[in-house]
Protein backbone atom coordinates (compact mmCIF):
# COMPACT_ATOMS: atom_id res chain seq x y z
CA MET A 1 171.86 31.04 -30.07
CA VAL A 2 172.27 34.47 -31.49
CA GLN A 3 169.66 36.38 -33.46
CA LEU A 4 170.58 38.65 -36.39
CA ARG A 5 168.58 41.69 -37.39
CA LYS A 6 169.22 44.38 -39.97
CA ILE A 7 169.31 47.72 -38.14
CA VAL A 8 170.10 51.38 -38.98
CA HIS A 9 172.69 52.69 -36.54
CA ARG A 10 175.14 55.56 -36.89
CA GLU A 11 173.65 56.47 -40.28
CA ASN A 12 174.47 53.08 -41.79
CA PHE A 13 172.87 49.61 -42.17
CA GLN A 14 174.31 47.25 -39.59
CA ILE A 15 173.88 43.63 -38.62
CA GLY A 16 172.62 43.63 -35.06
CA ILE A 17 173.75 40.55 -33.12
CA TYR A 18 171.42 39.79 -30.27
CA PHE A 19 171.86 37.34 -27.39
CA GLY A 20 171.45 37.20 -23.61
CA PHE A 21 174.33 37.74 -21.33
CA ASP A 22 177.02 35.18 -22.15
CA GLU A 23 180.76 35.85 -21.82
CA ASP A 24 181.64 33.34 -24.51
CA LEU A 25 179.33 34.95 -27.10
CA LYS A 26 180.58 38.38 -26.05
CA THR A 27 184.15 37.33 -26.66
CA LYS A 28 183.17 35.94 -30.06
CA ALA A 29 181.39 39.12 -31.01
CA ARG A 30 184.49 41.18 -30.11
CA SER A 31 186.66 38.77 -32.07
CA ILE A 32 184.89 39.72 -35.29
CA GLY A 33 185.18 43.49 -34.56
CA ALA A 34 181.59 43.98 -33.31
CA GLN A 35 180.81 47.02 -31.23
CA TRP A 36 178.22 47.36 -28.48
CA SER A 37 175.14 49.54 -29.19
CA GLN A 38 173.58 50.89 -26.01
CA THR A 39 170.71 52.23 -28.11
CA TYR A 40 169.76 48.76 -29.51
CA LYS A 41 171.20 46.72 -26.65
CA CYS A 42 173.11 44.50 -29.12
CA TRP A 43 176.45 43.99 -30.73
CA TYR A 44 176.73 45.09 -34.34
CA VAL A 45 178.92 45.06 -37.48
CA LEU A 46 178.62 46.83 -40.76
CA TYR A 47 175.92 45.26 -43.03
CA ASN A 48 177.84 43.49 -45.75
CA LYS A 49 178.36 39.98 -47.16
CA GLU A 50 181.81 39.50 -45.60
CA ASN A 51 180.64 40.37 -42.08
CA TYR A 52 177.59 38.09 -42.55
CA LYS A 53 179.85 35.16 -43.55
CA GLN A 54 182.16 35.89 -40.59
CA ILE A 55 179.17 35.75 -38.22
CA LEU A 56 178.13 32.40 -39.61
CA ARG A 57 181.70 31.04 -39.21
CA THR A 58 182.02 32.37 -35.63
CA PHE A 59 178.67 31.53 -34.02
CA ASP A 60 177.31 28.02 -33.85
CA GLU A 61 173.58 28.75 -33.94
CA VAL A 62 172.21 31.74 -35.85
CA GLU A 63 168.58 32.77 -36.30
CA ILE A 64 167.76 35.50 -38.81
CA ILE A 65 164.97 37.83 -37.83
CA ARG A 66 163.58 39.50 -40.94
CA ASN A 67 161.71 42.78 -41.04
CA GLU A 68 158.62 41.95 -43.07
CA ASN A 69 158.50 45.52 -44.49
CA ASP A 70 162.00 45.21 -46.07
CA GLU A 71 161.98 42.94 -49.10
CA ARG A 72 165.67 43.37 -49.81
CA GLN A 73 166.99 41.77 -46.58
């Protein structure tokens, strides 16, 4: 299972994709153009609807972790 969080990285909102070490998930993350963030220790893509849909198509199980302070997530 992967967890998704809205993060601010490189001065933009990003979708952080979090999971433990797993080569298959790593390959899937790369296949959608995700980059590794050493700062957040996660893979990430630009925060937009198309990338979100691509994540849902690519990963079997997704859990969304919402920031309680951000009502617009």
